[in-house]
Protein backbone atom coordinates (compact mmCIF):
# COMPACT_ATOMS: atom_id res chain seq x y z
CA MET A 1 -178.93 -44.12 -28.26
CA SER A 2 -181.70 -45.78 -30.21
CA SER A 3 -180.87 -48.54 -32.65
CA LEU A 4 -181.98 -46.32 -35.54
CA LEU A 5 -179.56 -43.57 -34.50
CA HIS A 6 -176.85 -46.19 -34.08
CA GLU A 7 -177.50 -47.48 -37.62
CA ILE A 8 -177.43 -43.91 -38.96
CA GLU A 9 -174.04 -43.28 -37.35
CA LYS A 10 -172.62 -46.58 -38.61
CA LEU A 11 -173.80 -45.90 -42.15
CA ARG A 12 -172.58 -42.30 -42.03
CA SER A 13 -169.10 -43.47 -41.00
CA LYS A 14 -169.07 -46.14 -43.70
CA LEU A 15 -170.10 -43.60 -46.34
CA ILE A 16 -167.42 -41.11 -45.27
CA GLU A 17 -164.67 -43.73 -45.32
CA TYR A 18 -165.76 -45.11 -48.68
CA ALA A 19 -166.23 -41.69 -50.28
CA ILE A 20 -162.79 -40.52 -49.17
CA GLN A 21 -161.24 -43.50 -50.93
CA TYR A 22 -163.44 -43.77 -54.04
CA GLY A 23 -165.16 -40.38 -54.35
CA LEU A 24 -168.73 -39.22 -53.97
CA ASN A 25 -169.64 -40.05 -57.57
CA ASP A 26 -168.84 -43.75 -57.19
CA SER A 27 -171.97 -45.87 -57.59
CA TYR A 28 -171.53 -47.52 -54.17
CA SER A 29 -171.06 -44.12 -52.51
CA ILE A 30 -174.33 -43.02 -54.07
CA LYS A 31 -176.05 -46.21 -52.87
CA LEU A 32 -174.80 -45.66 -49.32
CA SER A 33 -175.89 -42.03 -49.45
CA GLN A 34 -179.39 -43.01 -50.56
CA GLU A 35 -179.63 -45.59 -47.77
CA LEU A 36 -178.52 -42.94 -45.28
CA ASP A 37 -181.14 -40.52 -46.64
CA GLN A 38 -183.85 -43.14 -46.09
CA LEU A 39 -182.78 -43.73 -42.48
CA LEU A 40 -182.60 -39.99 -41.81
CA ASN A 41 -186.09 -39.50 -43.23
CA ILE A 42 -187.42 -42.25 -40.97
CA GLU A 43 -185.74 -40.63 -37.97
CA LEU A 44 -187.18 -37.22 -38.82
CA LYS A 45 -190.70 -38.63 -39.14
CA GLN A 46 -190.40 -40.21 -35.69
CA ARG A 47 -189.74 -36.84 -34.00
């Protein structure tokens, strides 16, 4: 697994755990989601 995919999976897990505890509308959940979106966009462009 590439390091980018590894980072995506780590961030995805972190977001899920945080959002379960604090909700999707929490500002940190939103920040994590935006970071994940950026990584996913990079991964899609590399295909």
